[in-house]
PDB file of N, CA and C in Angstrom:
ATOM      1  N   MET A   1      25.508  -5.165  -1.902  1.00  0.00           N
ATOM      2  CA  MET A   1      24.247  -5.433  -1.409  1.00  0.00           C
ATOM      3  C   MET A   1      23.354  -4.256  -1.594  1.00  0.00           C
ATOM      4  N   SER A   2      22.168  -4.304  -2.012  1.00  0.00           N
ATOM      5  CA  SER A   2      21.208  -3.206  -2.311  1.00  0.00           C
ATOM      6  C   SER A   2      20.475  -2.795  -1.037  1.00  0.00           C
ATOM      7  N   ASP A   3      20.153  -1.479  -1.001  1.00  0.00           N
ATOM      8  CA  ASP A   3      19.280  -1.005   0.100  1.00  0.00           C
ATOM      9  C   ASP A   3      17.882  -1.267  -0.041  1.00  0.00           C
ATOM     10  N   GLU A   4      17.497  -1.750  -1.251  1.00  0.00           N
ATOM     11  CA  GLU A   4      16.159  -2.165  -1.646  1.00  0.00           C
ATOM     12  C   GLU A   4      15.682  -3.338  -0.766  1.00  0.00           C
ATOM     13  N   PRO A   5      14.518  -3.257  -0.055  1.00  0.00           N
ATOM     14  CA  PRO A   5      14.087  -4.344   0.759  1.00  0.00           C
ATOM     15  C   PRO A   5      13.572  -5.496  -0.126  1.00  0.00           C
ATOM     16  N   LYS A   6      13.752  -6.740   0.342  1.00  0.00           N
ATOM     17  CA  LYS A   6      13.291  -7.903  -0.426  1.00  0.00           C
ATOM     18  C   LYS A   6      11.791  -7.889  -0.448  1.00  0.00           C
ATOM     19  N   SER A   7      11.174  -8.512  -1.414  1.00  0.00           N
ATOM     20  CA  SER A   7       9.773  -8.668  -1.552  1.00  0.00           C
ATOM     21  C   SER A   7       9.170  -9.422  -0.395  1.00  0.00           C
ATOM     22  N   LYS A   8       8.151  -8.903   0.165  1.00  0.00           N
ATOM     23  CA  LYS A   8       7.480  -9.545   1.294  1.00  0.00           C
ATOM     24  C   LYS A   8       6.446 -10.582   0.816  1.00  0.00           C
ATOM     25  N   THR A   9       6.222 -10.637  -0.518  1.00  0.00           N
ATOM     26  CA  THR A   9       5.200 -11.604  -1.041  1.00  0.00           C
ATOM     27  C   THR A   9       5.809 -12.973  -1.491  1.00  0.00           C
ATOM     28  N   VAL A  10       7.136 -13.114  -1.336  1.00  0.00           N
ATOM     29  CA  VAL A  10       7.773 -14.385  -1.626  1.00  0.00           C
ATOM     30  C   VAL A  10       8.218 -15.025  -0.390  1.00  0.00           C
ATOM     31  N   THR A  11       7.943 -16.279  -0.183  1.00  0.00           N
ATOM     32  CA  THR A  11       8.267 -17.030   1.113  1.00  0.00           C
ATOM     33  C   THR A  11       8.911 -18.348   0.665  1.00  0.00           C
ATOM     34  N   LYS A  12       9.270 -19.126   1.681  1.00  0.00           N
ATOM     35  CA  LYS A  12       9.828 -20.529   1.392  1.00  0.00           C
ATOM     36  C   LYS A  12       8.692 -21.518   1.100  1.00  0.00           C
ATOM     37  N   SER A  13       7.516 -21.186   1.393  1.00  0.00           N
ATOM     38  CA  SER A  13       6.332 -22.145   1.153  1.00  0.00           C
ATOM     39  C   SER A  13       5.615 -21.567  -0.130  1.00  0.00           C
ATOM     40  N   ILE A  14       5.328 -22.402  -1.041  1.00  0.00           N
ATOM     41  CA  ILE A  14       4.531 -22.123  -2.232  1.00  0.00           C
ATOM     42  C   ILE A  14       3.122 -21.708  -1.805  1.00  0.00           C
ATOM     43  N   ASP A  15       2.523 -22.451  -0.836  1.00  0.00           N
ATOM     44  CA  ASP A  15       1.121 -22.108  -0.432  1.00  0.00           C
ATOM     45  C   ASP A  15       1.018 -20.763   0.102  1.00  0.00           C
ATOM     46  N   GLU A  16       2.052 -20.424   1.054  1.00  0.00           N
ATOM     47  CA  GLU A  16       1.941 -19.129   1.670  1.00  0.00           C
ATOM     48  C   GLU A  16       2.304 -17.982   0.614  1.00  0.00           C
ATOM     49  N   THR A  17       3.190 -18.278  -0.290  1.00  0.00           N
ATOM     50  CA  THR A  17       3.485 -17.292  -1.351  1.00  0.00           C
ATOM     51  C   THR A  17       2.211 -17.126  -2.196  1.00  0.00           C
ATOM     52  N   ARG A  18       1.493 -18.183  -2.469  1.00  0.00           N
ATOM     53  CA  ARG A  18       0.168 -18.020  -3.272  1.00  0.00           C
ATOM     54  C   ARG A  18      -0.809 -17.184  -2.494  1.00  0.00           C
ATOM     55  N   GLN A  19      -0.918 -17.393  -1.200  1.00  0.00           N
ATOM     56  CA  GLN A  19      -1.825 -16.625  -0.415  1.00  0.00           C
ATOM     57  C   GLN A  19      -1.417 -15.094  -0.371  1.00  0.00           C
ATOM     58  N   TYR A  20      -0.149 -14.867  -0.259  1.00  0.00           N
ATOM     59  CA  TYR A  20       0.304 -13.426  -0.308  1.00  0.00           C
ATOM     60  C   TYR A  20       0.047 -12.780  -1.587  1.00  0.00           C
ATOM     61  N   HIS A  21       0.128 -13.624  -2.673  1.00  0.00           N
ATOM     62  CA  HIS A  21      -0.108 -13.062  -4.078  1.00  0.00           C
ATOM     63  C   HIS A  21      -1.561 -12.799  -4.152  1.00  0.00           C
ATOM     64  N   ILE A  22      -2.447 -13.594  -3.691  1.00  0.00           N
ATOM     65  CA  ILE A  22      -3.864 -13.386  -3.704  1.00  0.00           C
ATOM     66  C   ILE A  22      -4.205 -12.052  -3.018  1.00  0.00           C
ATOM     67  N   GLN A  23      -3.645 -11.880  -1.862  1.00  0.00           N
ATOM     68  CA  GLN A  23      -3.851 -10.578  -1.013  1.00  0.00           C
ATOM     69  C   GLN A  23      -3.398  -9.396  -1.833  1.00  0.00           C
ATOM     70  N   TYR A  24      -2.275  -9.590  -2.418  1.00  0.00           N
ATOM     71  CA  TYR A  24      -1.685  -8.450  -3.280  1.00  0.00           C
ATOM     72  C   TYR A  24      -2.563  -8.150  -4.504  1.00  0.00           C
ATOM     73  N   LEU A  25      -2.994  -9.091  -5.222  1.00  0.00           N
ATOM     74  CA  LEU A  25      -3.846  -8.838  -6.331  1.00  0.00           C
ATOM     75  C   LEU A  25      -5.161  -8.177  -5.971  1.00  0.00           C
ATOM     76  N   ARG A  26      -5.706  -8.629  -4.801  1.00  0.00           N
ATOM     77  CA  ARG A  26      -6.933  -7.955  -4.401  1.00  0.00           C
ATOM     78  C   ARG A  26      -6.671  -6.477  -4.021  1.00  0.00           C
ATOM     79  N   ALA A  27      -5.557  -6.174  -3.450  1.00  0.00           N
ATOM     80  CA  ALA A  27      -5.237  -4.865  -3.106  1.00  0.00           C
ATOM     81  C   ALA A  27      -5.093  -3.879  -4.349  1.00  0.00           C
ATOM     82  N   VAL A  28      -4.410  -4.366  -5.415  1.00  0.00           N
ATOM     83  CA  VAL A  28      -4.169  -3.537  -6.563  1.00  0.00           C
ATOM     84  C   VAL A  28      -5.220  -3.625  -7.586  1.00  0.00           C
ATOM     85  N   ASN A  29      -6.163  -4.458  -7.402  1.00  0.00           N
ATOM     86  CA  ASN A  29      -7.213  -4.620  -8.421  1.00  0.00           C
ATOM     87  C   ASN A  29      -8.313  -3.520  -8.340  1.00  0.00           C
ATOM     88  N   SER A  30      -8.286  -2.644  -7.421  1.00  0.00           N
ATOM     89  CA  SER A  30      -9.230  -1.593  -7.245  1.00  0.00           C
ATOM     90  C   SER A  30      -8.598  -0.313  -7.671  1.00  0.00           C
ATOM     91  N   PRO A  31      -9.357   0.363  -8.675  1.00  0.00           N
ATOM     92  CA  PRO A  31      -8.979   1.625  -9.260  1.00  0.00           C
ATOM     93  C   PRO A  31      -8.762   2.746  -8.087  1.00  0.00           C
ATOM     94  N   LEU A  32      -9.678   2.633  -7.096  1.00  0.00           N
ATOM     95  CA  LEU A  32      -9.527   3.571  -5.990  1.00  0.00           C
ATOM     96  C   LEU A  32      -8.303   3.363  -5.168  1.00  0.00           C
ATOM     97  N   ARG A  33      -7.921   2.122  -4.875  1.00  0.00           N
ATOM     98  CA  ARG A  33      -6.729   1.787  -4.160  1.00  0.00           C
ATOM     99  C   ARG A  33      -5.490   2.195  -5.039  1.00  0.00           C
ATOM    100  N   ARG A  34      -5.514   2.047  -6.303  1.00  0.00           N
ATOM    101  CA  ARG A  34      -4.452   2.502  -7.156  1.00  0.00           C
ATOM    102  C   ARG A  34      -4.273   3.954  -7.134  1.00  0.00           C
ATOM    103  N   SER A  35      -5.461   4.744  -7.009  1.00  0.00           N
ATOM    104  CA  SER A  35      -5.400   6.144  -6.902  1.00  0.00           C
ATOM    105  C   SER A  35      -4.745   6.631  -5.617  1.00  0.00           C
ATOM    106  N   ILE A  36      -4.957   5.812  -4.552  1.00  0.00           N
ATOM    107  CA  ILE A  36      -4.451   6.116  -3.122  1.00  0.00           C
ATOM    108  C   ILE A  36      -2.893   5.850  -3.314  1.00  0.00           C
ATOM    109  N   LEU A  37      -2.428   4.816  -4.009  1.00  0.00           N
ATOM    110  CA  LEU A  37      -1.002   4.572  -4.150  1.00  0.00           C
ATOM    111  C   LEU A  37      -0.376   5.701  -4.907  1.00  0.00           C
ATOM    112  N   ARG A  38      -0.995   6.237  -5.868  1.00  0.00           N
ATOM    113  CA  ARG A  38      -0.397   7.365  -6.606  1.00  0.00           C
ATOM    114  C   ARG A  38      -0.349   8.559  -5.830  1.00  0.00           C
ATOM    115  N   ALA A  39      -1.378   8.769  -4.966  1.00  0.00           N
ATOM    116  CA  ALA A  39      -1.403  10.004  -4.061  1.00  0.00           C
ATOM    117  C   ALA A  39      -0.231   9.908  -3.023  1.00  0.00           C
ATOM    118  N   LEU A  40       0.046   8.649  -2.556  1.00  0.00           N
ATOM    119  CA  LEU A  40       1.081   8.458  -1.563  1.00  0.00           C
ATOM    120  C   LEU A  40       2.503   8.868  -2.063  1.00  0.00           C
ATOM    121  N   GLY A  41       2.820   8.366  -3.248  1.00  0.00           N
ATOM    122  CA  GLY A  41       4.174   8.557  -3.782  1.00  0.00           C
ATOM    123  C   GLY A  41       5.220   7.821  -2.874  1.00  0.00           C
ATOM    124  N   ALA A  42       6.365   8.323  -2.853  1.00  0.00           N
ATOM    125  CA  ALA A  42       7.516   7.601  -2.195  1.00  0.00           C
ATOM    126  C   ALA A  42       7.737   8.080  -0.753  1.00  0.00           C
ATOM    127  N   ASP A  43       7.279   9.190  -0.414  1.00  0.00           N
ATOM    128  CA  ASP A  43       7.485   9.670   0.931  1.00  0.00           C
ATOM    129  C   ASP A  43       6.351   9.365   1.892  1.00  0.00           C
ATOM    130  N   TRP A  44       6.619   9.423   3.172  1.00  0.00           N
ATOM    131  CA  TRP A  44       5.775   9.130   4.262  1.00  0.00           C
ATOM    132  C   TRP A  44       4.676  10.239   4.187  1.00  0.00           C
ATOM    133  N   MET A  45       3.361   9.854   4.437  1.00  0.00           N
ATOM    134  CA  MET A  45       2.246  10.807   4.309  1.00  0.00           C
ATOM    135  C   MET A  45       1.387  10.519   5.476  1.00  0.00           C
ATOM    136  N   SER A  46       0.819  11.520   6.124  1.00  0.00           N
ATOM    137  CA  SER A  46      -0.126  11.304   7.200  1.00  0.00           C
ATOM    138  C   SER A  46      -1.409  10.990   6.746  1.00  0.00           C
ATOM    139  N   LEU A  47      -2.284  10.335   7.581  1.00  0.00           N
ATOM    140  CA  LEU A  47      -3.591  10.063   7.222  1.00  0.00           C
ATOM    141  C   LEU A  47      -4.415  11.293   6.795  1.00  0.00           C
ATOM    142  N   LYS A  48      -4.275  12.358   7.627  1.00  0.00           N
ATOM    143  CA  LYS A  48      -4.882  13.583   7.415  1.00  0.00           C
ATOM    144  C   LYS A  48      -4.541  14.189   5.946  1.00  0.00           C
ATOM    145  N   ASP A  49      -3.218  14.155   5.694  1.00  0.00           N
ATOM    146  CA  ASP A  49      -2.782  14.700   4.396  1.00  0.00           C
ATOM    147  C   ASP A  49      -3.311  13.804   3.262  1.00  0.00           C
ATOM    148  N   LEU A  50      -3.363  12.512   3.440  1.00  0.00           N
ATOM    149  CA  LEU A  50      -3.857  11.646   2.466  1.00  0.00           C
ATOM    150  C   LEU A  50      -5.328  11.792   2.216  1.00  0.00           C
ATOM    151  N   GLN A  51      -6.020  12.189   3.370  1.00  0.00           N
ATOM    152  CA  GLN A  51      -7.541  12.474   3.197  1.00  0.00           C
ATOM    153  C   GLN A  51      -7.748  13.676   2.347  1.00  0.00           C
ATOM    154  N   VAL A  52      -6.943  14.643   2.519  1.00  0.00           N
ATOM    155  CA  VAL A  52      -7.010  15.905   1.720  1.00  0.00           C
ATOM    156  C   VAL A  52      -6.718  15.530   0.227  1.00  0.00           C
ATOM    157  N   ALA A  53      -5.654  14.790   0.010  1.00  0.00           N
ATOM    158  CA  ALA A  53      -5.270  14.482  -1.383  1.00  0.00           C
ATOM    159  C   ALA A  53      -6.257  13.647  -2.091  1.00  0.00           C
ATOM    160  N   THR A  54      -6.882  12.714  -1.348  1.00  0.00           N
ATOM    161  CA  THR A  54      -7.796  11.805  -2.033  1.00  0.00           C
ATOM    162  C   THR A  54      -9.316  12.267  -1.881  1.00  0.00           C
ATOM    163  N   LYS A  55      -9.596  13.089  -1.011  1.00  0.00           N
ATOM    164  CA  LYS A  55     -11.002  13.562  -0.721  1.00  0.00           C
ATOM    165  C   LYS A  55     -11.905  12.447  -0.354  1.00  0.00           C
ATOM    166  N   LEU A  56     -11.418  11.458   0.316  1.00  0.00           N
ATOM    167  CA  LEU A  56     -12.107  10.377   0.749  1.00  0.00           C
ATOM    168  C   LEU A  56     -12.444  10.487   2.237  1.00  0.00           C
ATOM    169  N   SER A  57     -13.587   9.999   2.649  1.00  0.00           N
ATOM    170  CA  SER A  57     -13.951  10.118   4.126  1.00  0.00           C
ATOM    171  C   SER A  57     -12.908   9.231   4.889  1.00  0.00           C
ATOM    172  N   PHE A  58     -12.837   9.520   6.211  1.00  0.00           N
ATOM    173  CA  PHE A  58     -11.834   8.748   7.013  1.00  0.00           C
ATOM    174  C   PHE A  58     -12.187   7.329   6.931  1.00  0.00           C
ATOM    175  N   GLU A  59     -13.432   6.920   7.133  1.00  0.00           N
ATOM    176  CA  GLU A  59     -13.670   5.501   7.177  1.00  0.00           C
ATOM    177  C   GLU A  59     -13.459   4.681   5.904  1.00  0.00           C
ATOM    178  N   VAL A  60     -13.685   5.326   4.698  1.00  0.00           N
ATOM    179  CA  VAL A  60     -13.458   4.759   3.488  1.00  0.00           C
ATOM    180  C   VAL A  60     -11.954   4.701   3.282  1.00  0.00           C
ATOM    181  N   LEU A  61     -11.197   5.779   3.521  1.00  0.00           N
ATOM    182  CA  LEU A  61      -9.762   5.746   3.322  1.00  0.00           C
ATOM    183  C   LEU A  61      -9.123   4.776   4.207  1.00  0.00           C
ATOM    184  N   GLU A  62      -9.512   4.674   5.493  1.00  0.00           N
ATOM    185  CA  GLU A  62      -8.925   3.750   6.438  1.00  0.00           C
ATOM    186  C   GLU A  62      -9.124   2.280   5.933  1.00  0.00           C
ATOM    187  N   TRP A  63     -10.325   1.916   5.517  1.00  0.00           N
ATOM    188  CA  TRP A  63     -10.618   0.602   5.053  1.00  0.00           C
ATOM    189  C   TRP A  63      -9.691   0.276   3.864  1.00  0.00           C
ATOM    190  N   HIS A  64      -9.607   1.187   2.906  1.00  0.00           N
ATOM    191  CA  HIS A  64      -8.709   0.900   1.682  1.00  0.00           C
ATOM    192  C   HIS A  64      -7.298   0.869   2.105  1.00  0.00           C
ATOM    193  N   LEU A  65      -6.849   1.658   3.055  1.00  0.00           N
ATOM    194  CA  LEU A  65      -5.414   1.580   3.471  1.00  0.00           C
ATOM    195  C   LEU A  65      -5.147   0.305   4.084  1.00  0.00           C
ATOM    196  N   GLN A  66      -6.092  -0.247   4.907  1.00  0.00           N
ATOM    197  CA  GLN A  66      -5.916  -1.624   5.522  1.00  0.00           C
ATOM    198  C   GLN A  66      -5.751  -2.651   4.458  1.00  0.00           C
ATOM    199  N   MET A  67      -6.629  -2.632   3.371  1.00  0.00           N
ATOM    200  CA  MET A  67      -6.509  -3.528   2.234  1.00  0.00           C
ATOM    201  C   MET A  67      -5.053  -3.402   1.601  1.00  0.00           C
ATOM    202  N   LEU A  68      -4.647  -2.228   1.411  1.00  0.00           N
ATOM    203  CA  LEU A  68      -3.318  -2.067   0.758  1.00  0.00           C
ATOM    204  C   LEU A  68      -2.188  -2.451   1.682  1.00  0.00           C
ATOM    205  N   GLU A  69      -2.398  -2.347   2.960  1.00  0.00           N
ATOM    206  CA  GLU A  69      -1.342  -2.859   3.928  1.00  0.00           C
ATOM    207  C   GLU A  69      -1.420  -4.315   3.973  1.00  0.00           C
ATOM    208  N   ASN A  70      -2.557  -4.952   4.039  1.00  0.00           N
ATOM    209  CA  ASN A  70      -2.649  -6.362   3.980  1.00  0.00           C
ATOM    210  C   ASN A  70      -2.185  -7.011   2.654  1.00  0.00           C
ATOM    211  N   GLY A  71      -2.153  -6.184   1.564  1.00  0.00           N
ATOM    212  CA  GLY A  71      -1.668  -6.611   0.288  1.00  0.00           C
ATOM    213  C   GLY A  71      -0.252  -6.285   0.107  1.00  0.00           C
ATOM    214  N   PHE A  72       0.446  -5.739   1.128  1.00  0.00           N
ATOM    215  CA  PHE A  72       1.888  -5.482   1.028  1.00  0.00           C
ATOM    216  C   PHE A  72       2.178  -4.331   0.129  1.00  0.00           C
ATOM    217  N   CYS A  73       1.175  -3.461  -0.153  1.00  0.00           N
ATOM    218  CA  CYS A  73       1.499  -2.318  -1.041  1.00  0.00           C
ATOM    219  C   CYS A  73       1.958  -1.047  -0.322  1.00  0.00           C
ATOM    220  N   ILE A  74       1.614  -0.997   0.962  1.00  0.00           N
ATOM    221  CA  ILE A  74       2.038   0.203   1.743  1.00  0.00           C
ATOM    222  C   ILE A  74       2.508  -0.293   3.059  1.00  0.00           C
ATOM    223  N   GLU A  75       3.283   0.559   3.798  1.00  0.00           N
ATOM    224  CA  GLU A  75       3.651   0.264   5.146  1.00  0.00           C
ATOM    225  C   GLU A  75       3.170   1.364   5.965  1.00  0.00           C
ATOM    226  N   LYS A  76       2.911   1.169   7.257  1.00  0.00           N
ATOM    227  CA  LYS A  76       2.344   2.064   8.135  1.00  0.00           C
ATOM    228  C   LYS A  76       3.353   2.181   9.402  1.00  0.00           C
ATOM    229  N   LYS A  77       3.401   3.404   9.838  1.00  0.00           N
ATOM    230  CA  LYS A  77       4.172   3.638  11.134  1.00  0.00           C
ATOM    231  C   LYS A  77       3.363   4.746  11.894  1.00  0.00           C
ATOM    232  N   THR A  78       3.579   4.731  13.154  1.00  0.00           N
ATOM    233  CA  THR A  78       2.976   5.712  14.067  1.00  0.00           C
ATOM    234  C   THR A  78       4.047   6.611  14.589  1.00  0.00           C
ATOM    235  N   GLU A  79       3.894   7.867  14.334  1.00  0.00           N
ATOM    236  CA  GLU A  79       4.870   8.889  14.719  1.00  0.00           C
ATOM    237  C   GLU A  79       4.159   9.900  15.596  1.00  0.00           C
ATOM    238  N   LYS A  80       4.476   9.998  16.880  1.00  0.00           N
ATOM    239  CA  LYS A  80       3.805  11.011  17.824  1.00  0.00           C
ATOM    240  C   LYS A  80       2.306  10.926  17.712  1.00  0.00           C
ATOM    241  N   GLY A  81       1.820   9.640  17.664  1.00  0.00           N
ATOM    242  CA  GLY A  81       0.320   9.463  17.719  1.00  0.00           C
ATOM    243  C   GLY A  81      -0.316   9.669  16.314  1.00  0.00           C
ATOM    244  N   THR A  82       0.540   9.891  15.229  1.00  0.00           N
ATOM    245  CA  THR A  82      -0.114  10.113  14.011  1.00  0.00           C
ATOM    246  C   THR A  82       0.308   8.974  13.065  1.00  0.00           C
ATOM    247  N   SER A  83      -0.739   8.405  12.318  1.00  0.00           N
ATOM    248  CA  SER A  83      -0.498   7.266  11.432  1.00  0.00           C
ATOM    249  C   SER A  83       0.151   7.848  10.173  1.00  0.00           C
ATOM    250  N   MET A  84       1.195   7.250   9.766  1.00  0.00           N
ATOM    251  CA  MET A  84       1.974   7.649   8.485  1.00  0.00           C
ATOM    252  C   MET A  84       2.062   6.476   7.505  1.00  0.00           C
ATOM    253  N   TYR A  85       1.994   6.702   6.255  1.00  0.00           N
ATOM    254  CA  TYR A  85       1.936   5.691   5.230  1.00  0.00           C
ATOM    255  C   TYR A  85       2.880   6.025   4.151  1.00  0.00           C
ATOM    256  N   ARG A  86       3.478   4.976   3.512  1.00  0.00           N
ATOM    257  CA  ARG A  86       4.295   5.091   2.291  1.00  0.00           C
ATOM    258  C   ARG A  86       4.140   3.790   1.422  1.00  0.00           C
ATOM    259  N   VAL A  87       4.396   3.952   0.265  1.00  0.00           N
ATOM    260  CA  VAL A  87       4.302   2.866  -0.777  1.00  0.00           C
ATOM    261  C   VAL A  87       5.572   1.933  -0.569  1.00  0.00           C
ATOM    262  N   THR A  88       5.258   0.649  -0.641  1.00  0.00           N
ATOM    263  CA  THR A  88       6.381  -0.365  -0.565  1.00  0.00           C
ATOM    264  C   THR A  88       6.762  -0.693  -1.949  1.00  0.00           C
ATOM    265  N   GLN A  89       7.795  -1.500  -2.060  1.00  0.00           N
ATOM    266  CA  GLN A  89       8.332  -1.975  -3.372  1.00  0.00           C
ATOM    267  C   GLN A  89       7.213  -2.590  -4.205  1.00  0.00           C
ATOM    268  N   GLU A  90       6.343  -3.425  -3.449  1.00  0.00           N
ATOM    269  CA  GLU A  90       5.213  -4.042  -4.175  1.00  0.00           C
ATOM    270  C   GLU A  90       4.220  -3.026  -4.729  1.00  0.00           C
ATOM    271  N   GLY A  91       3.985  -1.982  -3.914  1.00  0.00           N
ATOM    272  CA  GLY A  91       3.039  -0.941  -4.276  1.00  0.00           C
ATOM    273  C   GLY A  91       3.503  -0.091  -5.477  1.00  0.00           C
ATOM    274  N   ARG A  92       4.673  -0.154  -5.704  1.00  0.00           N
ATOM    275  CA  ARG A  92       5.139   0.593  -6.913  1.00  0.00           C
ATOM    276  C   ARG A  92       4.708   0.208  -8.273  1.00  0.00           C
ATOM    277  N   ILE A  93       4.051  -0.981  -8.241  1.00  0.00           N
ATOM    278  CA  ILE A  93       3.468  -1.510  -9.536  1.00  0.00           C
ATOM    279  C   ILE A  93       2.562  -0.396 -10.062  1.00  0.00           C
ATOM    280  N   VAL A  94       2.019   0.462  -9.315  1.00  0.00           N
ATOM    281  CA  VAL A  94       1.071   1.441  -9.808  1.00  0.00           C
ATOM    282  C   VAL A  94       1.694   2.418 -10.836  1.00  0.00           C
ATOM    283  N   ASP A  95       3.048   2.483 -10.826  1.00  0.00           N
ATOM    284  CA  ASP A  95       3.811   3.300 -11.728  1.00  0.00           C
ATOM    285  C   ASP A  95       3.672   2.683 -13.182  1.00  0.00           C
ATOM    286  N   TYR A  96       3.375   1.399 -13.241  1.00  0.00           N
ATOM    287  CA  TYR A  96       3.336   0.686 -14.509  1.00  0.00           C
ATOM    288  C   TYR A  96       1.952   0.361 -15.040  1.00  0.00           C
ATOM    289  N   LEU A  97       0.916   0.660 -14.240  1.00  0.00           N
ATOM    290  CA  LEU A  97      -0.361   0.366 -14.631  1.00  0.00           C
ATOM    291  C   LEU A  97      -0.976   1.579 -15.307  1.00  0.00           C
ATOM    292  N   GLU A  98      -2.016   1.270 -16.187  1.00  0.00           N
ATOM    293  CA  GLU A  98      -2.701   2.452 -16.889  1.00  0.00           C
ATOM    294  C   GLU A  98      -3.626   3.074 -15.869  1.00  0.00           C
ATOM    295  N   LEU A  99      -3.958   4.286 -16.177  1.00  0.00           N
ATOM    296  CA  LEU A  99      -4.927   4.978 -15.326  1.00  0.00           C
ATOM    297  C   LEU A  99      -6.242   4.500 -15.475  1.00  0.00           C
TER     298      LEU A  99
END
């Protein structure tokens, strides 16, 4: 059995799977969000570090992170009051897309 998590965009219901795919495509359809995914890489990154890496304002970055989280491209955890993010299996699509 693999340590790789199963896709969160596939469900037992075709309608639910379709909705998840719509959310996912909306998330990866933005060049700015794809650049955020590239900046994140595979390790957990704090919101502050991500702001430095992307040079985006807090409000803009937070909105795009929410879109990526809703699209299953990133996961978020809170550690000692700090929001941390990393790319999910679905978010790794960015490795295969053109710049």
